[in-house]
C-alpha atoms as a PDB file:
ATOM      1  CA  MET A   1       1.424 -35.173  13.130  1.00  0.00           C
ATOM      2  CA  ALA A   2       0.436 -31.761  11.791  1.00  0.00           C
ATOM      3  CA  PHE A   3       2.017 -28.580  13.128  1.00  0.00           C
ATOM      4  CA  THR A   4       2.273 -24.867  12.464  1.00  0.00           C
ATOM      5  CA  TYR A   5       5.509 -22.917  12.150  1.00  0.00           C
ATOM      6  CA  ARG A   6       6.038 -19.336  13.342  1.00  0.00           C
ATOM      7  CA  TYR A   7       8.792 -17.936  11.163  1.00  0.00           C
ATOM      8  CA  SER A   8       9.411 -14.860  13.361  1.00  0.00           C
ATOM      9  CA  ASP A   9      11.104 -16.880  16.087  1.00  0.00           C
ATOM     10  CA  GLY A  10      11.268 -20.416  14.624  1.00  0.00           C
ATOM     11  CA  THR A  11       8.685 -21.888  17.001  1.00  0.00           C
ATOM     12  CA  ILE A  12       6.855 -25.077  15.974  1.00  0.00           C
ATOM     13  CA  HIS A  13       3.402 -25.774  17.451  1.00  0.00           C
ATOM     14  CA  PHE A  14       2.108 -29.345  17.172  1.00  0.00           C
ATOM     15  CA  ILE A  15      -1.649 -29.910  17.134  1.00  0.00           C
ATOM     16  CA  SER A  16      -1.273 -32.227  20.107  1.00  0.00           C
ATOM     17  CA  PRO A  17       1.317 -32.489  22.928  1.00  0.00           C
ATOM     18  CA  THR A  18       4.191 -34.737  21.915  1.00  0.00           C
ATOM     19  CA  TYR A  19       4.125 -36.116  25.443  1.00  0.00           C
ATOM     20  CA  THR A  20       0.609 -37.459  24.864  1.00  0.00           C
ATOM     21  CA  ILE A  21       1.438 -38.882  21.429  1.00  0.00           C
ATOM     22  CA  ALA A  22       4.405 -40.773  22.959  1.00  0.00           C
ATOM     23  CA  ASN A  23       2.067 -42.658  25.345  1.00  0.00           C
ATOM     24  CA  ASN A  24       2.384 -40.113  28.143  1.00  0.00           C
ATOM     25  CA  ALA A  25       6.152 -40.176  28.141  1.00  0.00           C
ATOM     26  CA  ALA A  26       8.782 -37.672  27.145  1.00  0.00           C
ATOM     27  CA  PRO A  27       9.810 -38.526  23.565  1.00  0.00           C
ATOM     28  CA  PRO A  28      13.561 -39.073  23.181  1.00  0.00           C
ATOM     29  CA  ASP A  29      13.606 -37.122  19.916  1.00  0.00           C
ATOM     30  CA  VAL A  30      11.169 -35.006  17.858  1.00  0.00           C
ATOM     31  CA  TRP A  31      11.649 -34.337  14.133  1.00  0.00           C
ATOM     32  CA  ALA A  32       9.812 -31.813  11.967  1.00  0.00           C
ATOM     33  CA  TYR A  33      10.246 -31.220   8.233  1.00  0.00           C
ATOM     34  CA  VAL A  34      10.028 -27.485   7.484  1.00  0.00           C
ATOM     35  CA  PRO A  35      10.142 -26.319   3.820  1.00  0.00           C
ATOM     36  CA  ILE A  36      12.567 -23.476   3.158  1.00  0.00           C
ATOM     37  CA  ASN A  37      11.893 -20.959   0.396  1.00  0.00           C
ATOM     38  CA  THR A  38      15.168 -20.073  -1.347  1.00  0.00           C
ATOM     39  CA  ASN A  39      13.748 -18.265  -4.379  1.00  0.00           C
ATOM     40  CA  PRO A  40      11.314 -15.582  -3.184  1.00  0.00           C
ATOM     41  CA  LEU A  41       8.889 -13.949  -5.571  1.00  0.00           C
ATOM     42  CA  GLN A  42       9.498 -10.266  -6.140  1.00  0.00           C
ATOM     43  CA  ALA A  43       7.866  -7.445  -8.047  1.00  0.00           C
ATOM     44  CA  ILE A  44       9.360  -3.955  -8.385  1.00  0.00           C
ATOM     45  CA  SER A  45       7.682  -0.712  -9.393  1.00  0.00           C
ATOM     46  CA  PRO A  46       9.073   1.359 -10.930  1.00  0.00           C
ATOM     47  CA  ALA A  47      11.451  -1.196 -12.436  1.00  0.00           C
ATOM     48  CA  ASN A  48      15.194  -0.817 -11.914  1.00  0.00           C
ATOM     49  CA  ASP A  49      17.254   0.718 -14.692  1.00  0.00           C
ATOM     50  CA  VAL A  50      19.334  -1.348 -17.127  1.00  0.00           C
ATOM     51  CA  HIS A  51      22.200  -1.398 -14.621  1.00  0.00           C
ATOM     52  CA  GLY A  52      20.013  -2.727 -11.828  1.00  0.00           C
ATOM     53  CA  ASN A  53      19.926   0.568  -9.947  1.00  0.00           C
ATOM     54  CA  PRO A  54      16.677   1.650  -8.281  1.00  0.00           C
ATOM     55  CA  ARG A  55      14.504   4.326  -9.823  1.00  0.00           C
ATOM     56  CA  TYR A  56      12.183   6.653  -7.966  1.00  0.00           C
ATOM     57  CA  GLY A  57       8.967   8.414  -8.927  1.00  0.00           C
ATOM     58  CA  GLY A  58       6.533  11.042  -7.764  1.00  0.00           C
ATOM     59  CA  THR A  59       6.849  14.613  -6.584  1.00  0.00           C
ATOM     60  CA  SER A  60       8.163  13.488  -3.204  1.00  0.00           C
ATOM     61  CA  HIS A  61      11.296  12.521  -5.150  1.00  0.00           C
ATOM     62  CA  THR A  62      11.411  15.036  -8.012  1.00  0.00           C
ATOM     63  CA  VAL A  63      10.437  18.013  -5.829  1.00  0.00           C
ATOM     64  CA  GLU A  64      11.234  17.032  -2.245  1.00  0.00           C
ATOM     65  CA  GLY A  65      14.287  14.906  -3.072  1.00  0.00           C
ATOM     66  CA  PHE A  66      13.283  11.863  -1.013  1.00  0.00           C
ATOM     67  CA  GLN A  67      14.403   8.326  -1.838  1.00  0.00           C
ATOM     68  CA  ASN A  68      12.378   6.094   0.465  1.00  0.00           C
ATOM     69  CA  THR A  69      11.267   2.482   0.294  1.00  0.00           C
ATOM     70  CA  LEU A  70       7.867   1.074   1.184  1.00  0.00           C
ATOM     71  CA  VAL A  71       8.209  -2.618   2.087  1.00  0.00           C
ATOM     72  CA  VAL A  72       5.044  -4.674   1.713  1.00  0.00           C
ATOM     73  CA  THR A  73       4.332  -8.233   2.876  1.00  0.00           C
ATOM     74  CA  LEU A  74       1.839 -10.016   0.652  1.00  0.00           C
ATOM     75  CA  ASP A  75       0.728 -13.404   2.011  1.00  0.00           C
ATOM     76  CA  GLN A  76      -1.623 -14.008  -0.905  1.00  0.00           C
ATOM     77  CA  TRP A  77       1.084 -14.225  -3.581  1.00  0.00           C
ATOM     78  CA  ARG A  78       2.273 -17.797  -4.053  1.00  0.00           C
ATOM     79  CA  ASP A  79       1.901 -18.351  -7.786  1.00  0.00           C
ATOM     80  CA  PRO A  80       4.749 -17.002 -10.005  1.00  0.00           C
ATOM     81  CA  GLY A  81       2.245 -16.902 -12.858  1.00  0.00           C
ATOM     82  CA  GLN A  82       0.496 -13.968 -11.175  1.00  0.00           C
ATOM     83  CA  LEU A  83       3.457 -11.617 -11.614  1.00  0.00           C
ATOM     84  CA  ALA A  84       1.533  -9.329 -13.987  1.00  0.00           C
ATOM     85  CA  GLN A  85      -1.305  -8.941 -11.467  1.00  0.00           C
ATOM     86  CA  VAL A  86       1.142  -8.210  -8.643  1.00  0.00           C
ATOM     87  CA  LEU A  87       2.936  -5.617 -10.759  1.00  0.00           C
ATOM     88  CA  ALA A  88      -0.436  -3.929 -11.345  1.00  0.00           C
ATOM     89  CA  TYR A  89      -1.049  -3.918  -7.575  1.00  0.00           C
ATOM     90  CA  ALA A  90       2.472  -2.565  -6.965  1.00  0.00           C
ATOM     91  CA  ALA A  91       1.922   0.246  -9.478  1.00  0.00           C
ATOM     92  CA  ASP A  92      -1.395   1.166  -7.843  1.00  0.00           C
ATOM     93  CA  LEU A  93       0.233   1.144  -4.406  1.00  0.00           C
ATOM     94  CA  LEU A  94       3.076   3.309  -5.711  1.00  0.00           C
ATOM     95  CA  ASP A  95       0.618   5.837  -7.148  1.00  0.00           C
ATOM     96  CA  SER A  96      -0.993   6.195  -3.718  1.00  0.00           C
ATOM     97  CA  VAL A  97       2.224   7.170  -1.912  1.00  0.00           C
ATOM     98  CA  LYS A  98       4.699   8.642  -4.403  1.00  0.00           C
ATOM     99  CA  ASP A  99       3.385  12.223  -4.532  1.00  0.00           C
ATOM    100  CA  THR A 100       3.565  14.862  -1.831  1.00  0.00           C
ATOM    101  CA  VAL A 101       0.121  15.270  -0.267  1.00  0.00           C
ATOM    102  CA  VAL A 102      -1.430  18.702  -0.711  1.00  0.00           C
ATOM    103  CA  GLU A 103      -4.576  19.501   1.239  1.00  0.00           C
ATOM    104  CA  GLY A 104      -6.289  22.496   2.762  1.00  0.00           C
ATOM    105  CA  SER A 105      -9.292  24.809   2.401  1.00  0.00           C
ATOM    106  CA  VAL A 106     -10.410  27.208  -0.310  1.00  0.00           C
ATOM    107  CA  VAL A 107     -13.006  29.891   0.490  1.00  0.00           C
ATOM    108  CA  TYR A 108     -15.377  31.183  -2.186  1.00  0.00           C
ATOM    109  CA  TYR A 109     -17.318  34.286  -1.201  1.00  0.00           C
ATOM    110  CA  GLY A 110     -20.656  33.406  -2.690  1.00  0.00           C
ATOM    111  CA  TRP A 111     -22.728  30.372  -3.688  1.00  0.00           C
ATOM    112  CA  TYR A 112     -20.488  27.879  -5.539  1.00  0.00           C
ATOM    113  CA  ALA A 113     -23.106  25.416  -6.781  1.00  0.00           C
ATOM    114  CA  ALA A 114     -20.687  23.386  -8.950  1.00  0.00           C
ATOM    115  CA  ALA A 115     -18.911  22.117  -5.838  1.00  0.00           C
ATOM    116  CA  LEU A 116     -22.079  20.414  -4.608  1.00  0.00           C
ATOM    117  CA  THR A 117     -21.749  17.788  -7.339  1.00  0.00           C
ATOM    118  CA  CYS A 118     -19.704  14.765  -6.260  1.00  0.00           C
ATOM    119  CA  GLY A 119     -16.426  13.983  -8.002  1.00  0.00           C
ATOM    120  CA  GLN A 120     -15.246  17.567  -8.553  1.00  0.00           C
ATOM    121  CA  ALA A 121     -11.694  18.922  -8.301  1.00  0.00           C
ATOM    122  CA  LEU A 122     -10.210  22.415  -8.190  1.00  0.00           C
ATOM    123  CA  GLN A 123      -7.414  24.081 -10.091  1.00  0.00           C
ATOM    124  CA  VAL A 124      -6.132  27.147  -8.279  1.00  0.00           C
ATOM    125  CA  ALA A 125      -5.401  30.263 -10.340  1.00  0.00           C
ATOM    126  CA  GLY A 126      -4.810  33.836  -9.262  1.00  0.00           C
ATOM    127  CA  ASP A 127      -6.793  36.908 -10.298  1.00  0.00           C
ATOM    128  CA  ASP A 128      -6.594  40.139  -8.307  1.00  0.00           C
ATOM    129  CA  GLY A 129      -9.166  41.985 -10.406  1.00  0.00           C
ATOM    130  CA  ASP A 130      -6.568  43.580 -12.621  1.00  0.00           C
ATOM    131  CA  GLY A 131      -5.611  40.331 -14.275  1.00  0.00           C
ATOM    132  CA  SER A 132      -4.219  36.912 -13.572  1.00  0.00           C
ATOM    133  CA  TYR A 133      -1.043  36.183 -11.638  1.00  0.00           C
ATOM    134  CA  THR A 134       0.958  33.050 -10.858  1.00  0.00           C
ATOM    135  CA  THR A 135       0.132  31.278  -7.609  1.00  0.00           C
ATOM    136  CA  GLY A 136       2.487  28.300  -7.930  1.00  0.00           C
ATOM    137  CA  TRP A 137      -0.478  25.937  -7.628  1.00  0.00           C
ATOM    138  CA  GLU A 138      -1.330  25.794 -11.311  1.00  0.00           C
ATOM    139  CA  SER A 139       0.435  22.469 -11.841  1.00  0.00           C
ATOM    140  CA  ILE A 140      -1.715  20.731  -9.200  1.00  0.00           C
ATOM    141  CA  ALA A 141      -4.687  19.735 -11.327  1.00  0.00           C
ATOM    142  CA  ASN A 142      -6.289  17.195  -9.001  1.00  0.00           C
ATOM    143  CA  LEU A 143      -7.182  19.061  -5.830  1.00  0.00           C
ATOM    144  CA  CYS A 144     -10.166  16.831  -5.153  1.00  0.00           C
ATOM    145  CA  ILE A 145     -13.035  18.374  -3.236  1.00  0.00           C
ATOM    146  CA  VAL A 146     -13.672  16.136  -0.229  1.00  0.00           C
ATOM    147  CA  GLU A 147     -15.974  18.389   1.802  1.00  0.00           C
ATOM    148  CA  VAL A 148     -18.161  21.445   1.179  1.00  0.00           C
ATOM    149  CA  GLU A 149     -19.530  23.825   3.802  1.00  0.00           C
ATOM    150  CA  VAL A 150     -22.008  26.569   2.923  1.00  0.00           C
ATOM    151  CA  GLU A 151     -22.638  29.436   5.352  1.00  0.00           C
ATOM    152  CA  TRP A 152     -25.496  31.948   5.237  1.00  0.00           C
ATOM    153  CA  THR A 153     -23.567  35.021   6.359  1.00  0.00           C
ATOM    154  CA  GLN A 154     -26.519  37.477   6.252  1.00  0.00           C
ATOM    155  CA  ARG A 155     -24.089  40.138   5.103  1.00  0.00           C
ATOM    156  CA  ALA A 156     -24.396  42.624   2.302  1.00  0.00           C
ATOM    157  CA  GLY A 157     -22.267  41.842  -0.705  1.00  0.00           C
ATOM    158  CA  TYR A 158     -22.071  38.076  -0.251  1.00  0.00           C
ATOM    159  CA  PRO A 159     -24.983  36.377   1.507  1.00  0.00           C
ATOM    160  CA  TYR A 160     -23.251  33.003   1.130  1.00  0.00           C
ATOM    161  CA  ARG A 161     -19.746  31.759   1.841  1.00  0.00           C
ATOM    162  CA  THR A 162     -18.660  28.390   0.443  1.00  0.00           C
ATOM    163  CA  THR A 163     -15.677  26.630   2.035  1.00  0.00           C
ATOM    164  CA  LEU A 164     -14.143  23.790   0.035  1.00  0.00           C
ATOM    165  CA  ARG A 165     -11.800  21.311   1.674  1.00  0.00           C
ATOM    166  CA  VAL A 166      -9.467  19.738  -0.854  1.00  0.00           C
ATOM    167  CA  SER A 167      -6.855  16.995  -0.810  1.00  0.00           C
ATOM    168  CA  THR A 168      -4.623  15.050  -3.210  1.00  0.00           C
ATOM    169  CA  ARG A 169      -4.431  12.137  -0.778  1.00  0.00           C
ATOM    170  CA  ARG A 170      -5.176   8.880  -2.610  1.00  0.00           C
ATOM    171  CA  MET A 171      -6.121   5.451  -1.338  1.00  0.00           C
ATOM    172  CA  HIS A 172      -4.980   2.251  -3.004  1.00  0.00           C
ATOM    173  CA  TYR A 173      -6.868  -0.929  -3.862  1.00  0.00           C
ATOM    174  CA  GLN A 174      -6.485  -4.043  -1.722  1.00  0.00           C
ATOM    175  CA  PRO A 175      -4.432  -6.938  -3.196  1.00  0.00           C
ATOM    176  CA  ASP A 176      -7.584  -9.080  -3.404  1.00  0.00           C
ATOM    177  CA  MET A 177      -8.666  -6.839  -6.290  1.00  0.00           C
ATOM    178  CA  PHE A 178      -5.711  -8.107  -8.326  1.00  0.00           C
ATOM    179  CA  LEU A 179      -4.979 -11.652  -7.144  1.00  0.00           C
ATOM    180  CA  LYS A 180      -6.904 -14.878  -7.276  1.00  0.00           C
ATOM    181  CA  ALA A 181      -7.762 -16.578  -4.013  1.00  0.00           C
ATOM    182  CA  ALA A 182      -4.747 -18.306  -2.457  1.00  0.00           C
ATOM    183  CA  GLN A 183      -4.766 -22.096  -2.607  1.00  0.00           C
ATOM    184  CA  SER A 184      -4.221 -23.915   0.673  1.00  0.00           C
ATOM    185  CA  PHE A 185      -4.931 -27.256   2.277  1.00  0.00           C
ATOM    186  CA  LEU A 186      -5.592 -28.682   5.712  1.00  0.00           C
ATOM    187  CA  PRO A 187      -3.816 -31.877   6.760  1.00  0.00           C
ATOM    188  CA  LEU A 188      -5.924 -34.422   8.583  1.00  0.00           C
ATOM    189  CA  GLY A 189      -6.422 -33.252  12.150  1.00  0.00           C
ATOM    190  CA  SER A 190      -5.143 -29.708  11.529  1.00  0.00           C
ATOM    191  CA  SER A 191      -7.115 -26.493  11.918  1.00  0.00           C
ATOM    192  CA  SER A 192      -4.786 -24.246   9.890  1.00  0.00           C
ATOM    193  CA  ASP A 193      -2.610 -24.391   6.805  1.00  0.00           C
ATOM    194  CA  PRO A 194       0.874 -25.454   8.036  1.00  0.00           C
ATOM    195  CA  TRP A 195       2.565 -23.692   5.120  1.00  0.00           C
ATOM    196  CA  MET A 196       1.361 -20.272   6.204  1.00  0.00           C
ATOM    197  CA  GLY A 197       4.072 -18.296   7.949  1.00  0.00           C
ATOM    198  CA  MET A 198       6.791 -20.684   6.830  1.00  0.00           C
ATOM    199  CA  ILE A 199       9.556 -18.367   5.711  1.00  0.00           C
ATOM    200  CA  ALA A 200      10.273 -14.687   5.117  1.00  0.00           C
ATOM    201  CA  ALA A 201      12.179 -13.356   2.124  1.00  0.00           C
ATOM    202  CA  ARG A 202      13.344  -9.783   2.243  1.00  0.00           C
ATOM    203  CA  GLY A 203      14.164  -7.696  -0.802  1.00  0.00           C
ATOM    204  CA  GLY A 204      16.375  -4.701  -1.362  1.00  0.00           C
ATOM    205  CA  ALA A 205      15.644  -1.330   0.190  1.00  0.00           C
ATOM    206  CA  HIS A 206      14.798   1.088  -2.542  1.00  0.00           C
ATOM    207  CA  ASP A 207      11.866   2.647  -4.351  1.00  0.00           C
ATOM    208  CA  ALA A 208      10.271  -0.560  -5.533  1.00  0.00           C
ATOM    209  CA  SER A 209       7.133  -2.499  -5.039  1.00  0.00           C
ATOM    210  CA  GLY A 210       8.049  -5.900  -3.743  1.00  0.00           C
ATOM    211  CA  LEU A 211       5.775  -8.545  -2.469  1.00  0.00           C
ATOM    212  CA  GLY A 212       6.580 -11.893  -1.010  1.00  0.00           C
ATOM    213  CA  GLY A 213       6.428 -15.322  -2.513  1.00  0.00           C
ATOM    214  CA  GLY A 214       6.929 -18.931  -1.595  1.00  0.00           C
ATOM    215  CA  PHE A 215       5.024 -20.727   1.096  1.00  0.00           C
ATOM    216  CA  GLY A 216       4.065 -18.002   3.537  1.00  0.00           C
ATOM    217  CA  PRO A 217       4.493 -14.363   4.617  1.00  0.00           C
ATOM    218  CA  ARG A 218       7.314 -12.619   2.845  1.00  0.00           C
ATOM    219  CA  SER A 219       8.804  -9.162   3.053  1.00  0.00           C
ATOM    220  CA  VAL A 220      10.145  -7.545  -0.060  1.00  0.00           C
ATOM    221  CA  PRO A 221      10.268  -3.976  -1.329  1.00  0.00           C
ATOM    222  CA  ALA A 222       7.215  -2.132  -2.445  1.00  0.00           C
ATOM    223  CA  SER A 223       7.581   1.306  -3.720  1.00  0.00           C
ATOM    224  CA  GLU A 224       7.156   4.902  -3.184  1.00  0.00           C
ATOM    225  CA  GLY A 225       8.932   7.930  -4.479  1.00  0.00           C
ATOM    226  CA  GLY A 226       9.323   9.071  -0.888  1.00  0.00           C
ATOM    227  CA  GLY A 227       6.998   8.837   2.060  1.00  0.00           C
ATOM    228  CA  HIS A 228       6.413  12.495   2.682  1.00  0.00           C
ATOM    229  CA  GLU A 229       3.461  14.756   2.960  1.00  0.00           C
END
């Protein structure tokens, strides 16, 4: 008889009451065969050093000094042959969280027409009229413009005021962009794949991108340089 297994607390749910299957009597014994995954799949980004020690990336580590771990559960990964695709997903996920988020507003006193074109970014430099000066923001080259507001001030000197809202916050792609569709099956009389949710494998806690493997949901380390903004 088909059943589903909830790995979080070890509960087994049969598709039909065992009492009914045993001719409306309490069965003396009930057996269930539950596969156990002893070799979980794992992907790490950035890869450990030659001594197996974790490495960290991003300005949240190099500037802020954080050493945090982002743990990701990836139900879709069951095929060891898709390691390259999962590493690509892990690297993309790492890129979305490893750097300190910088966001805010920049005011331009006048009409800044270039900002009205989508896909623009700012680089902040200082100039007080007597020459340039260092602002400390020069190294941030990807202050993406996410919103533009133009005001008609009706004032002498600058009839327009353009406010640009910028951010370095980055989204990541979903795992479906990297992985093939998961293969599953339905036993006769079952409404769900009994292998889903079978076992959880947990990886080490460091700056790595780890994703589960085996028969069902798994928890292993996925990476960030430090979760800080």
